[in-house]
Amino acid sequence: MEAEAEAEELAWRRETIPKVMKLVCTRLPQRDLVSLLLVSPWLHRTLVSYPSLWQPRYRQVKKIDFEFAQDIGQALGVPQERGNHRYSESLKSLETLNLNGCQKISYKGIAAVTSCCPNLKVFSIYWNVQVTDIGIKHLVENCRHLVDLNLSGCKNITDKSLELVADSYNELESLNLTRRVKLTDIGLRHILFKCSALQSLNLYALSR
């Protein structure tokens, strides 16, 4: 009896719930729909299996704020290859992305999300110790039009990242490097020599 009950519950989850969620979610506001993605990995998988729920809603989105979203690393997902992401068409108009405090995002997450946002102008990923030079390399390769970049508290980024930023963003206007313990004069020199449009440079609490 117990095995039969478990089989019925599994069938209910796989068949009934997805159908109900698909009907309900088409009537939900965008904010509520995004919130559902973060409830559980299972619910996330169910919702993203229906691209028609997302693409019409996100086609003209200019700004997304995920500040301190605890499980956003899982929700972003990682594409198998560049450009092969289910939201790539929907997020092409995105200009501002806030991932501050999203501790589960690594260089893979940065690669995934920035590959969908070629027109990004403002990117903030404050207080993330998983971000490394590899993640910044993906950022500069995928997003060529940044004017505002916040890397405050990303303690594992080195001068190599600053060199990449300086070489890629000559029109950068604002750069936040607060609490960057691995930054040296060499990295700063790259920024100061090449980012001639810079109007704001935050260097508070550097260790060197």
Protein backbone atom coordinates (compact mmCIF):
# COMPACT_ATOMS: atom_id res chain seq x y z
CA MET A 1 0.00 0.00 0.00
CA GLU A 2 2.82 2.38 0.88
CA ALA A 3 4.53 1.82 -2.47
CA GLU A 4 1.24 2.40 -4.28
CA ALA A 5 0.66 5.65 -2.40
CA GLU A 6 4.15 6.87 -3.26
CA ALA A 7 3.57 6.04 -6.93
CA GLU A 8 0.30 7.98 -6.92
CA GLU A 9 1.95 10.99 -5.28
CA LEU A 10 4.79 10.93 -7.81
CA ALA A 11 2.33 10.79 -10.70
CA TRP A 12 0.41 13.69 -9.15
CA ARG A 13 3.56 15.78 -8.95
CA ARG A 14 4.68 14.96 -12.47
CA GLU A 15 1.34 15.29 -14.23
CA THR A 16 -1.26 17.21 -12.23
CA ILE A 17 0.82 19.94 -10.58
CA PRO A 18 2.58 21.05 -13.81
CA LYS A 19 -0.78 21.39 -15.55
CA VAL A 20 -2.23 23.39 -12.66
CA MET A 21 0.85 25.62 -12.41
CA LYS A 22 0.80 26.32 -16.11
CA LEU A 23 -2.83 27.49 -15.90
CA VAL A 24 -2.28 29.57 -12.75
CA CYS A 25 1.01 31.17 -13.77
CA THR A 26 -0.34 32.62 -16.99
CA ARG A 27 -2.48 34.89 -14.80
CA LEU A 28 0.17 35.88 -12.24
CA PRO A 29 1.97 39.25 -12.23
CA GLN A 30 5.60 39.11 -13.31
CA ARG A 31 6.95 39.72 -9.77
CA ASP A 32 4.98 36.79 -8.33
CA LEU A 33 6.05 34.50 -11.14
CA VAL A 34 9.73 35.26 -10.51
CA SER A 35 9.24 34.67 -6.77
CA LEU A 36 7.90 31.19 -7.48
CA LEU A 37 11.17 30.30 -9.20
CA LEU A 38 12.95 30.61 -5.85
CA VAL A 39 10.56 28.47 -3.79
CA SER A 40 12.28 25.17 -4.57
CA PRO A 41 14.48 23.55 -7.24
CA TRP A 42 11.56 21.28 -8.19
CA LEU A 43 9.16 24.17 -8.76
CA HIS A 44 11.87 26.03 -10.67
CA ARG A 45 12.29 23.07 -13.04
CA THR A 46 8.53 22.86 -13.54
CA LEU A 47 8.14 26.53 -14.41
CA VAL A 48 11.11 26.86 -16.75
CA SER A 49 9.90 23.84 -18.71
CA TYR A 50 7.29 26.18 -20.22
CA PRO A 51 9.19 28.90 -22.15
CA SER A 52 5.90 30.40 -23.30
CA LEU A 53 5.38 31.66 -19.73
CA TRP A 54 8.52 33.75 -19.87
CA GLN A 55 9.44 34.98 -23.30
CA PRO A 56 6.52 37.39 -23.87
CA ARG A 57 6.95 38.85 -20.37
CA TYR A 58 10.69 39.52 -20.54
CA ARG A 59 11.14 40.71 -24.09
CA GLN A 60 11.20 44.39 -23.11
CA VAL A 61 12.62 44.16 -19.59
CA LYS A 62 15.33 46.79 -18.96
CA LYS A 63 16.18 46.14 -15.31
CA ILE A 64 16.36 43.07 -13.03
CA ASP A 65 17.18 43.27 -9.32
CA PHE A 66 18.05 40.00 -7.53
CA GLU A 67 19.82 41.62 -4.57
CA PHE A 68 20.42 39.08 -1.75
CA ALA A 69 18.34 36.37 -3.44
CA GLN A 70 19.63 33.32 -1.59
CA ASP A 71 19.15 30.64 -4.27
CA ILE A 72 19.54 32.69 -7.42
CA GLY A 73 22.61 30.69 -8.46
CA GLN A 74 20.42 27.64 -9.07
CA ALA A 75 17.67 29.64 -10.75
CA LEU A 76 19.99 31.15 -13.34
CA GLY A 77 21.03 27.78 -14.72
CA VAL A 78 24.02 27.21 -16.99
CA PRO A 79 23.67 26.80 -20.76
CA GLN A 80 25.41 23.91 -22.46
CA GLU A 81 27.00 26.21 -24.99
CA ARG A 82 27.23 29.91 -25.69
CA GLY A 83 23.91 31.33 -26.85
CA ASN A 84 21.94 28.18 -26.07
CA HIS A 85 19.88 29.56 -23.19
CA ARG A 86 16.09 29.47 -23.12
CA TYR A 87 15.96 33.18 -22.17
CA SER A 88 18.59 34.48 -24.58
CA GLU A 89 16.06 36.17 -26.87
CA SER A 90 13.92 37.51 -24.04
CA LEU A 91 16.75 39.31 -22.19
CA LYS A 92 18.47 41.02 -25.09
CA SER A 93 16.98 44.37 -24.05
CA LEU A 94 18.22 44.11 -20.45
CA GLU A 95 20.36 47.11 -19.44
CA THR A 96 20.68 46.83 -15.63
CA LEU A 97 21.37 43.69 -13.59
CA ASN A 98 21.82 43.62 -9.81
CA LEU A 99 23.23 40.40 -8.34
CA ASN A 100 24.45 41.93 -5.07
CA GLY A 101 24.87 39.39 -2.29
CA CYS A 102 23.94 36.41 -4.46
CA GLN A 103 26.56 34.17 -2.89
CA LYS A 104 25.83 31.06 -4.96
CA ILE A 105 26.75 32.64 -8.28
CA SER A 106 30.16 31.56 -9.59
CA TYR A 107 31.91 32.25 -12.88
CA LYS A 108 29.56 29.73 -14.51
CA GLY A 109 26.54 31.75 -13.45
CA ILE A 110 28.11 34.95 -14.74
CA ALA A 111 28.85 33.27 -18.06
CA ALA A 112 25.26 32.02 -18.32
CA VAL A 113 23.45 35.24 -17.54
CA THR A 114 25.76 37.66 -19.38
CA SER A 115 25.58 35.57 -22.54
CA CYS A 116 21.88 36.55 -22.67
CA CYS A 117 22.42 40.29 -22.11
CA PRO A 118 24.62 41.81 -24.84
CA ASN A 119 23.19 45.30 -24.23
CA LEU A 120 23.89 45.39 -20.50
CA LYS A 121 25.05 48.81 -19.26
CA VAL A 122 24.96 48.48 -15.46
CA PHE A 123 26.22 45.36 -13.65
CA SER A 124 26.53 45.00 -9.88
CA ILE A 125 27.72 41.90 -8.03
CA TYR A 126 28.72 43.27 -4.62
CA TRP A 127 29.91 40.89 -1.88
CA ASN A 128 30.50 37.67 -3.77
CA VAL A 129 33.65 35.74 -2.90
CA GLN A 130 33.04 33.15 -5.63
CA VAL A 131 33.59 35.64 -8.43
CA THR A 132 37.07 35.28 -9.96
CA ASP A 133 39.00 36.60 -12.93
CA ILE A 134 37.35 33.90 -15.06
CA GLY A 135 33.93 35.38 -14.34
CA ILE A 136 35.10 38.87 -15.30
CA LYS A 137 36.55 37.46 -18.51
CA HIS A 138 33.08 36.13 -19.42
CA LEU A 139 31.55 39.50 -18.51
CA VAL A 140 33.79 41.56 -20.79
CA GLU A 141 33.42 39.08 -23.65
CA ASN A 142 29.62 39.01 -23.47
CA CYS A 143 28.74 42.59 -22.48
CA ARG A 144 30.58 45.25 -24.46
CA HIS A 145 28.64 48.36 -23.43
CA LEU A 146 29.02 48.63 -19.64
CA VAL A 147 29.23 52.12 -18.15
CA ASP A 148 28.65 51.22 -14.48
CA LEU A 149 30.36 48.28 -12.75
CA ASN A 150 30.24 47.35 -9.05
CA LEU A 151 32.74 44.69 -7.91
CA SER A 152 32.78 45.77 -4.27
CA GLY A 153 33.67 42.95 -1.88
CA CYS A 154 34.62 40.49 -4.64
CA LYS A 155 37.78 39.51 -2.78
CA ASN A 156 39.05 36.89 -5.22
CA ILE A 157 39.36 39.21 -8.20
CA THR A 158 42.93 40.24 -9.02
CA ASP A 159 44.68 42.85 -11.15
CA LYS A 160 44.00 40.62 -14.16
CA SER A 161 40.32 41.53 -13.93
CA LEU A 162 41.13 45.23 -13.83
CA GLU A 163 43.25 44.83 -16.93
CA LEU A 164 40.33 43.13 -18.69
CA VAL A 165 37.94 45.88 -17.59
CA ALA A 166 40.32 48.63 -18.69
CA ASP A 167 40.90 47.04 -22.11
CA SER A 168 37.19 46.44 -22.71
CA TYR A 169 35.40 49.47 -21.23
CA ASN A 170 37.03 52.71 -22.32
CA GLU A 171 33.65 54.44 -21.85
CA LEU A 172 33.21 53.22 -18.26
CA GLU A 173 31.81 56.00 -16.06
CA SER A 174 31.51 54.39 -12.62
CA LEU A 175 33.62 51.66 -10.98
CA ASN A 176 33.31 50.41 -7.40
CA LEU A 177 36.30 48.45 -6.08
CA THR A 178 35.59 48.69 -2.34
CA ARG A 179 37.19 46.01 -0.14
CA ARG A 180 39.20 44.44 -2.93
CA VAL A 181 42.07 42.83 -0.98
CA LYS A 182 44.01 41.52 -4.01
CA LEU A 183 44.13 44.80 -5.91
CA THR A 184 47.49 46.55 -6.43
CA ASP A 185 48.84 49.70 -8.06
CA ILE A 186 49.37 47.72 -11.26
CA GLY A 187 45.65 47.05 -11.68
CA LEU A 188 44.73 50.62 -10.80
CA ARG A 189 47.19 51.94 -13.36
CA HIS A 190 45.36 50.02 -16.11
CA ILE A 191 42.06 51.63 -15.08
CA LEU A 192 43.41 55.17 -14.77
CA PHE A 193 45.29 55.11 -18.06
CA LYS A 194 42.56 53.56 -20.22
CA CYS A 195 39.16 54.47 -18.71
CA SER A 196 39.22 58.13 -19.68
CA ALA A 197 35.45 58.61 -19.25
CA LEU A 198 35.52 57.53 -15.59
CA GLN A 199 33.60 59.90 -13.31
CA SER A 200 33.36 57.82 -10.12
CA LEU A 201 36.01 55.45 -8.70
CA ASN A 202 35.39 53.97 -5.23
CA LEU A 203 38.52 52.54 -3.57
CA TYR A 204 37.39 52.47 0.06
CA ALA A 205 39.00 49.91 2.43
CA LEU A 206 41.68 48.57 0.10
CA SER A 207 44.31 46.52 1.92
CA ARG A 208 47.29 47.63 -0.14
